[in-house]
Amino acid sequence: MMLKKLTGLVVLGLALLSAGAEARDTSDEEMLYDFLAGSYWLIGKSLDSQDSFVGKVGLSSQGNRLIVTRTVGGAQTVGEGRIEPIGHDGGRALRVRYVERGVAYEGTYLWQSDADNYARLTGYVYRPGEFTESPGMEALFIVQ
């Protein structure tokens, strides 16, 4: 009888720990979206080209996603970004999807905190499902 009670308490404890970890993951992810939100200067290299460009990117936190507003060469596009798992080691990246002049693009960005505790993002831009030897490259720096 005592063993049944002890087993029940262990199972209950594990369930509570599991629920707490799940709540913490959700909260951590929301905090990450808030950390990434902001206005950024954009410096990039075009896909399948050696051409460079500059622009601005706005990231607006909307629950479990970011609304991404890109302005390059006077043209504005709006897309969506989500934190997604990458690799087998539990890593995560910001995956951004948008359509520009009728062509779908996807970007995969890694982030780190700069010296002032703002996000700095770097990544590759490509067309989903298409191979390229010269992906686009972008770096985003917070506008202060």
N, C-alpha and C. Protein backbone atom coordinates (compact mmCIF):
# COMPACT_ATOMS: atom_id res chain seq x y z
N MET A 1 0.83 -1.19 0.00
CA MET A 1 0.00 0.00 0.00
C MET A 1 0.87 1.25 0.00
N MET A 2 1.91 1.25 0.82
CA MET A 2 2.81 2.39 0.90
C MET A 2 3.53 2.60 -0.44
N LEU A 3 3.90 1.49 -1.09
CA LEU A 3 4.57 1.57 -2.38
C LEU A 3 3.66 2.20 -3.43
N LYS A 4 2.36 1.89 -3.42
CA LYS A 4 1.41 2.48 -4.36
C LYS A 4 1.32 3.99 -4.16
N LYS A 5 1.26 4.43 -2.89
CA LYS A 5 1.18 5.87 -2.60
C LYS A 5 2.46 6.57 -3.06
N LEU A 6 3.60 5.95 -2.79
CA LEU A 6 4.87 6.53 -3.19
C LEU A 6 4.97 6.61 -4.72
N THR A 7 4.56 5.56 -5.39
CA THR A 7 4.57 5.55 -6.85
C THR A 7 3.65 6.64 -7.40
N GLY A 8 2.48 6.78 -6.80
CA GLY A 8 1.53 7.82 -7.22
C GLY A 8 2.11 9.21 -7.05
N LEU A 9 2.82 9.44 -5.94
CA LEU A 9 3.44 10.74 -5.69
C LEU A 9 4.56 11.02 -6.70
N VAL A 10 5.34 10.01 -7.04
CA VAL A 10 6.42 10.16 -8.02
C VAL A 10 5.83 10.51 -9.38
N VAL A 11 4.77 9.78 -9.79
CA VAL A 11 4.13 10.05 -11.08
C VAL A 11 3.56 11.47 -11.09
N LEU A 12 2.90 11.88 -10.01
CA LEU A 12 2.34 13.22 -9.92
C LEU A 12 3.46 14.26 -9.99
N GLY A 13 4.54 14.03 -9.30
CA GLY A 13 5.67 14.96 -9.32
C GLY A 13 6.26 15.09 -10.71
N LEU A 14 6.44 13.97 -11.41
CA LEU A 14 6.96 14.01 -12.78
C LEU A 14 6.01 14.74 -13.71
N ALA A 15 4.71 14.55 -13.54
CA ALA A 15 3.72 15.24 -14.37
C ALA A 15 3.80 16.74 -14.14
N LEU A 16 3.94 17.15 -12.88
CA LEU A 16 4.03 18.58 -12.57
C LEU A 16 5.32 19.19 -13.14
N LEU A 17 6.43 18.46 -13.03
CA LEU A 17 7.69 18.93 -13.60
C LEU A 17 7.57 19.07 -15.11
N SER A 18 6.95 18.10 -15.75
CA SER A 18 6.77 18.13 -17.19
C SER A 18 5.91 19.31 -17.61
N ALA A 19 4.81 19.56 -16.90
CA ALA A 19 3.93 20.69 -17.22
C ALA A 19 4.67 22.00 -17.00
N GLY A 20 5.47 22.08 -15.95
CA GLY A 20 6.25 23.29 -15.69
C GLY A 20 7.26 23.55 -16.78
N ALA A 21 7.91 22.48 -17.26
CA ALA A 21 8.89 22.64 -18.34
C ALA A 21 8.21 23.09 -19.62
N GLU A 22 7.02 22.55 -19.91
CA GLU A 22 6.29 22.96 -21.11
C GLU A 22 5.89 24.42 -21.02
N ALA A 23 5.41 24.86 -19.86
CA ALA A 23 5.04 26.27 -19.68
C ALA A 23 6.26 27.16 -19.81
N ARG A 24 7.40 26.70 -19.27
CA ARG A 24 8.62 27.49 -19.35
C ARG A 24 9.08 27.63 -20.80
N ASP A 25 8.99 26.52 -21.59
CA ASP A 25 9.37 26.59 -23.00
C ASP A 25 8.54 27.61 -23.75
N THR A 26 7.22 27.61 -23.50
CA THR A 26 6.34 28.57 -24.16
C THR A 26 6.73 29.98 -23.76
N SER A 27 6.95 30.21 -22.49
CA SER A 27 7.33 31.53 -22.00
C SER A 27 8.69 31.94 -22.58
N ASP A 28 9.64 31.01 -22.62
CA ASP A 28 10.96 31.30 -23.19
C ASP A 28 10.83 31.69 -24.66
N GLU A 29 9.97 30.98 -25.39
CA GLU A 29 9.80 31.28 -26.81
C GLU A 29 9.16 32.65 -26.99
N GLU A 30 8.16 32.99 -26.18
CA GLU A 30 7.55 34.32 -26.26
C GLU A 30 8.57 35.40 -25.96
N MET A 31 9.41 35.15 -24.94
CA MET A 31 10.46 36.12 -24.61
C MET A 31 11.44 36.27 -25.77
N LEU A 32 11.73 35.19 -26.46
CA LEU A 32 12.64 35.23 -27.60
C LEU A 32 12.04 36.06 -28.74
N TYR A 33 10.75 35.88 -29.02
CA TYR A 33 10.10 36.70 -30.05
C TYR A 33 10.16 38.19 -29.65
N ASP A 34 9.94 38.48 -28.38
CA ASP A 34 10.02 39.87 -27.92
C ASP A 34 11.45 40.40 -28.04
N PHE A 35 12.45 39.56 -27.75
CA PHE A 35 13.85 39.95 -27.87
C PHE A 35 14.21 40.28 -29.31
N LEU A 36 13.70 39.51 -30.26
CA LEU A 36 14.02 39.71 -31.67
C LEU A 36 13.25 40.88 -32.29
N ALA A 37 12.11 41.25 -31.70
CA ALA A 37 11.29 42.32 -32.27
C ALA A 37 12.06 43.65 -32.27
N GLY A 38 11.89 44.42 -33.34
CA GLY A 38 12.52 45.73 -33.43
C GLY A 38 12.73 46.14 -34.88
N SER A 39 13.37 47.29 -35.04
CA SER A 39 13.73 47.81 -36.37
C SER A 39 15.20 47.57 -36.60
N TYR A 40 15.55 47.08 -37.78
CA TYR A 40 16.92 46.70 -38.09
C TYR A 40 17.39 47.34 -39.40
N TRP A 41 18.68 47.68 -39.44
CA TRP A 41 19.34 47.99 -40.70
C TRP A 41 19.69 46.66 -41.34
N LEU A 42 19.55 46.59 -42.64
CA LEU A 42 19.80 45.36 -43.38
C LEU A 42 20.94 45.59 -44.37
N ILE A 43 21.92 44.72 -44.35
CA ILE A 43 23.01 44.71 -45.33
C ILE A 43 23.00 43.32 -45.94
N GLY A 44 22.99 43.24 -47.28
CA GLY A 44 22.87 41.92 -47.88
C GLY A 44 23.56 41.76 -49.21
N LYS A 45 23.64 40.51 -49.63
CA LYS A 45 24.12 40.10 -50.95
C LYS A 45 22.97 39.36 -51.60
N SER A 46 22.66 39.71 -52.84
CA SER A 46 21.53 39.11 -53.55
C SER A 46 21.75 37.63 -53.86
N LEU A 47 20.67 36.91 -53.93
CA LEU A 47 20.67 35.50 -54.30
C LEU A 47 21.14 35.35 -55.75
N ASP A 48 22.02 34.38 -55.98
CA ASP A 48 22.55 34.08 -57.32
C ASP A 48 23.19 35.29 -57.99
N SER A 49 23.86 36.11 -57.21
CA SER A 49 24.47 37.34 -57.72
C SER A 49 25.55 37.80 -56.75
N GLN A 50 26.38 38.70 -57.22
CA GLN A 50 27.36 39.34 -56.34
C GLN A 50 26.90 40.74 -55.94
N ASP A 51 25.70 41.14 -56.37
CA ASP A 51 25.16 42.46 -56.06
C ASP A 51 24.86 42.58 -54.57
N SER A 52 25.17 43.74 -54.01
CA SER A 52 24.87 43.99 -52.61
C SER A 52 23.72 44.99 -52.51
N PHE A 53 23.11 45.05 -51.35
CA PHE A 53 22.01 45.98 -51.13
C PHE A 53 21.93 46.35 -49.66
N VAL A 54 21.22 47.42 -49.39
CA VAL A 54 20.93 47.84 -48.01
C VAL A 54 19.44 48.09 -47.91
N GLY A 55 18.94 48.08 -46.71
CA GLY A 55 17.53 48.34 -46.49
C GLY A 55 17.21 48.34 -45.01
N LYS A 56 15.94 48.16 -44.71
CA LYS A 56 15.48 48.09 -43.32
C LYS A 56 14.54 46.90 -43.18
N VAL A 57 14.52 46.34 -42.00
CA VAL A 57 13.63 45.23 -41.68
C VAL A 57 12.97 45.54 -40.34
N GLY A 58 11.67 45.37 -40.29
CA GLY A 58 10.93 45.49 -39.03
C GLY A 58 10.43 44.13 -38.62
N LEU A 59 10.66 43.77 -37.37
CA LEU A 59 10.17 42.51 -36.81
C LEU A 59 9.21 42.85 -35.68
N SER A 60 7.96 42.46 -35.84
CA SER A 60 6.92 42.76 -34.86
C SER A 60 6.39 41.46 -34.25
N SER A 61 6.51 41.33 -32.94
CA SER A 61 6.09 40.11 -32.25
C SER A 61 4.57 40.00 -32.22
N GLN A 62 4.06 38.86 -32.67
CA GLN A 62 2.62 38.57 -32.69
C GLN A 62 2.39 37.18 -32.11
N GLY A 63 2.54 37.03 -30.80
CA GLY A 63 2.37 35.72 -30.17
C GLY A 63 3.49 34.79 -30.52
N ASN A 64 3.19 33.72 -31.28
CA ASN A 64 4.21 32.72 -31.62
C ASN A 64 4.75 32.92 -33.04
N ARG A 65 4.85 34.18 -33.47
CA ARG A 65 5.42 34.49 -34.77
C ARG A 65 5.85 35.95 -34.81
N LEU A 66 6.58 36.28 -35.85
CA LEU A 66 6.98 37.67 -36.10
C LEU A 66 6.39 38.09 -37.44
N ILE A 67 5.86 39.29 -37.49
CA ILE A 67 5.49 39.89 -38.76
C ILE A 67 6.74 40.60 -39.26
N VAL A 68 7.17 40.28 -40.47
CA VAL A 68 8.42 40.78 -41.02
C VAL A 68 8.10 41.76 -42.15
N THR A 69 8.57 43.00 -42.00
CA THR A 69 8.39 44.02 -43.03
C THR A 69 9.76 44.40 -43.55
N ARG A 70 10.00 44.12 -44.83
CA ARG A 70 11.29 44.38 -45.48
C ARG A 70 11.14 45.56 -46.43
N THR A 71 12.07 46.49 -46.37
CA THR A 71 12.09 47.61 -47.32
C THR A 71 13.48 47.65 -47.94
N VAL A 72 13.55 47.32 -49.23
CA VAL A 72 14.81 47.29 -49.97
C VAL A 72 14.58 47.99 -51.30
N GLY A 73 15.40 48.98 -51.61
CA GLY A 73 15.28 49.68 -52.89
C GLY A 73 13.92 50.34 -53.07
N GLY A 74 13.32 50.79 -51.99
CA GLY A 74 12.03 51.44 -52.07
C GLY A 74 10.84 50.49 -52.14
N ALA A 75 11.07 49.19 -52.33
CA ALA A 75 9.99 48.21 -52.39
C ALA A 75 9.80 47.57 -51.01
N GLN A 76 8.55 47.48 -50.59
CA GLN A 76 8.25 46.90 -49.28
C GLN A 76 7.54 45.56 -49.45
N THR A 77 7.98 44.56 -48.70
CA THR A 77 7.32 43.26 -48.67
C THR A 77 7.02 42.91 -47.22
N VAL A 78 5.97 42.14 -47.03
CA VAL A 78 5.59 41.70 -45.68
C VAL A 78 5.55 40.18 -45.68
N GLY A 79 6.13 39.60 -44.66
CA GLY A 79 6.15 38.15 -44.53
C GLY A 79 5.99 37.75 -43.08
N GLU A 80 6.37 36.51 -42.80
CA GLU A 80 6.20 35.96 -41.46
C GLU A 80 7.45 35.22 -41.04
N GLY A 81 7.78 35.30 -39.77
CA GLY A 81 8.92 34.59 -39.23
C GLY A 81 8.52 33.75 -38.03
N ARG A 82 9.13 32.58 -37.92
CA ARG A 82 8.88 31.69 -36.79
C ARG A 82 10.19 31.07 -36.32
N ILE A 83 10.28 30.84 -35.04
CA ILE A 83 11.42 30.12 -34.48
C ILE A 83 11.19 28.64 -34.77
N GLU A 84 12.17 28.00 -35.42
CA GLU A 84 12.02 26.59 -35.79
C GLU A 84 13.28 25.83 -35.40
N PRO A 85 13.11 24.53 -35.08
CA PRO A 85 14.29 23.71 -34.75
C PRO A 85 15.14 23.47 -35.99
N ILE A 86 16.45 23.42 -35.77
CA ILE A 86 17.38 23.08 -36.84
C ILE A 86 18.37 22.06 -36.31
N GLY A 87 18.85 21.20 -37.15
CA GLY A 87 19.85 20.22 -36.74
C GLY A 87 19.30 19.22 -35.74
N HIS A 88 20.21 18.42 -35.20
CA HIS A 88 19.83 17.37 -34.26
C HIS A 88 20.25 17.69 -32.84
N ASP A 89 20.81 18.87 -32.62
CA ASP A 89 21.33 19.19 -31.29
C ASP A 89 20.42 20.13 -30.49
N GLY A 90 19.19 20.32 -30.95
CA GLY A 90 18.26 21.20 -30.22
C GLY A 90 18.42 22.66 -30.58
N GLY A 91 19.21 22.97 -31.61
CA GLY A 91 19.37 24.36 -32.03
C GLY A 91 18.10 24.90 -32.65
N ARG A 92 17.99 26.24 -32.67
CA ARG A 92 16.83 26.89 -33.25
C ARG A 92 17.29 28.04 -34.14
N ALA A 93 16.47 28.35 -35.12
CA ALA A 93 16.76 29.46 -36.03
C ALA A 93 15.46 30.21 -36.30
N LEU A 94 15.60 31.44 -36.75
CA LEU A 94 14.44 32.21 -37.19
C LEU A 94 14.26 31.93 -38.67
N ARG A 95 13.15 31.33 -39.05
CA ARG A 95 12.84 31.04 -40.45
C ARG A 95 11.84 32.09 -40.91
N VAL A 96 12.21 32.87 -41.94
CA VAL A 96 11.37 33.95 -42.47
C VAL A 96 10.91 33.56 -43.87
N ARG A 97 9.64 33.76 -44.14
CA ARG A 97 9.08 33.48 -45.48
C ARG A 97 8.36 34.72 -45.99
N TYR A 98 8.63 35.07 -47.26
CA TYR A 98 7.97 36.22 -47.87
C TYR A 98 7.97 36.05 -49.38
N VAL A 99 7.14 36.84 -50.05
CA VAL A 99 7.05 36.82 -51.50
C VAL A 99 7.42 38.22 -51.99
N GLU A 100 8.36 38.26 -52.95
CA GLU A 100 8.81 39.53 -53.51
C GLU A 100 8.70 39.46 -55.03
N ARG A 101 7.93 40.36 -55.60
CA ARG A 101 7.70 40.39 -57.06
C ARG A 101 7.25 39.03 -57.59
N GLY A 102 6.36 38.38 -56.84
CA GLY A 102 5.79 37.11 -57.28
C GLY A 102 6.66 35.89 -57.03
N VAL A 103 7.82 36.05 -56.41
CA VAL A 103 8.74 34.94 -56.16
C VAL A 103 8.81 34.69 -54.65
N ALA A 104 8.63 33.41 -54.25
CA ALA A 104 8.70 33.04 -52.83
C ALA A 104 10.16 32.93 -52.39
N TYR A 105 10.46 33.49 -51.23
CA TYR A 105 11.79 33.42 -50.63
C TYR A 105 11.66 32.90 -49.20
N GLU A 106 12.75 32.32 -48.74
CA GLU A 106 12.85 31.87 -47.36
C GLU A 106 14.23 32.26 -46.85
N GLY A 107 14.29 32.70 -45.62
CA GLY A 107 15.57 33.03 -45.00
C GLY A 107 15.71 32.28 -43.70
N THR A 108 16.91 31.83 -43.40
CA THR A 108 17.20 31.15 -42.15
C THR A 108 18.27 31.95 -41.43
N TYR A 109 17.92 32.49 -40.27
CA TYR A 109 18.79 33.40 -39.53
C TYR A 109 19.15 32.84 -38.16
N LEU A 110 20.38 33.02 -37.79
CA LEU A 110 20.83 32.78 -36.43
C LEU A 110 20.95 34.12 -35.75
N TRP A 111 20.87 34.14 -34.44
CA TRP A 111 20.95 35.39 -33.71
C TRP A 111 21.90 35.23 -32.54
N GLN A 112 22.38 36.39 -32.11
CA GLN A 112 23.12 36.47 -30.85
C GLN A 112 22.91 37.86 -30.31
N SER A 113 23.27 38.05 -29.08
CA SER A 113 23.13 39.35 -28.44
C SER A 113 24.38 40.17 -28.69
N ASP A 114 24.21 41.45 -29.09
CA ASP A 114 25.38 42.30 -29.27
C ASP A 114 25.81 42.88 -27.92
N ALA A 115 26.79 43.75 -27.92
CA ALA A 115 27.34 44.28 -26.67
C ALA A 115 26.32 45.10 -25.87
N ASP A 116 25.29 45.62 -26.53
CA ASP A 116 24.25 46.39 -25.84
C ASP A 116 23.01 45.56 -25.53
N ASN A 117 23.12 44.24 -25.67
CA ASN A 117 22.02 43.30 -25.40
C ASN A 117 20.86 43.42 -26.37
N TYR A 118 21.14 43.82 -27.60
CA TYR A 118 20.15 43.78 -28.68
C TYR A 118 20.47 42.58 -29.56
N ALA A 119 19.45 42.12 -30.29
CA ALA A 119 19.68 41.00 -31.19
C ALA A 119 20.45 41.44 -32.42
N ARG A 120 21.30 40.59 -32.90
CA ARG A 120 21.98 40.75 -34.19
C ARG A 120 21.75 39.45 -34.94
N LEU A 121 21.25 39.55 -36.16
CA LEU A 121 20.89 38.36 -36.93
C LEU A 121 21.72 38.26 -38.20
N THR A 122 22.09 37.05 -38.56
CA THR A 122 22.77 36.79 -39.83
C THR A 122 22.15 35.54 -40.43
N GLY A 123 22.04 35.53 -41.76
CA GLY A 123 21.44 34.36 -42.36
C GLY A 123 21.57 34.29 -43.86
N TYR A 124 21.06 33.19 -44.38
CA TYR A 124 21.03 32.91 -45.81
C TYR A 124 19.60 33.07 -46.31
N VAL A 125 19.47 33.56 -47.55
CA VAL A 125 18.17 33.68 -48.21
C VAL A 125 18.21 32.85 -49.49
N TYR A 126 17.14 32.13 -49.77
CA TYR A 126 17.09 31.22 -50.90
C TYR A 126 15.63 31.05 -51.33
N ARG A 127 15.41 30.37 -52.45
CA ARG A 127 14.07 30.01 -52.88
C ARG A 127 13.80 28.60 -52.35
N PRO A 128 12.70 28.42 -51.63
CA PRO A 128 12.43 27.09 -51.05
C PRO A 128 12.37 26.01 -52.13
N GLY A 129 13.05 24.91 -51.86
CA GLY A 129 13.04 23.76 -52.76
C GLY A 129 13.96 23.87 -53.96
N GLU A 130 14.71 24.97 -54.08
CA GLU A 130 15.61 25.15 -55.22
C GLU A 130 17.06 25.17 -54.73
N PHE A 131 17.94 24.51 -55.46
CA PHE A 131 19.37 24.50 -55.13
C PHE A 131 20.04 25.74 -55.72
N THR A 132 20.98 26.29 -54.98
CA THR A 132 21.79 27.39 -55.49
C THR A 132 23.20 27.25 -54.92
N GLU A 133 24.17 27.64 -55.71
CA GLU A 133 25.55 27.68 -55.22
C GLU A 133 25.89 29.06 -54.66
N SER A 134 24.96 30.01 -54.81
CA SER A 134 25.21 31.38 -54.35
C SER A 134 23.97 31.93 -53.64
N PRO A 135 23.73 31.48 -52.40
CA PRO A 135 22.55 31.97 -51.67
C PRO A 135 22.71 33.45 -51.35
N GLY A 136 21.58 34.08 -51.09
CA GLY A 136 21.65 35.44 -50.57
C GLY A 136 22.16 35.40 -49.15
N MET A 137 22.81 36.47 -48.72
CA MET A 137 23.31 36.56 -47.35
C MET A 137 22.88 37.88 -46.77
N GLU A 138 22.47 37.87 -45.51
CA GLU A 138 22.00 39.09 -44.87
C GLU A 138 22.50 39.20 -43.44
N ALA A 139 22.72 40.44 -43.03
CA ALA A 139 23.05 40.76 -41.64
C ALA A 139 22.11 41.88 -41.21
N LEU A 140 21.51 41.72 -40.02
CA LEU A 140 20.58 42.70 -39.50
C LEU A 140 21.13 43.27 -38.20
N PHE A 141 21.18 44.62 -38.13
CA PHE A 141 21.70 45.34 -36.98
C PHE A 141 20.60 46.25 -36.44
N ILE A 142 20.35 46.22 -35.15
CA ILE A 142 19.28 46.99 -34.55
C ILE A 142 19.45 48.49 -34.83
N VAL A 143 18.34 49.17 -35.08
CA VAL A 143 18.33 50.63 -35.23
C VAL A 143 18.15 51.19 -33.84
N GLN A 144 19.06 52.04 -33.42
CA GLN A 144 18.96 52.62 -32.06
C GLN A 144 18.60 54.07 -32.11
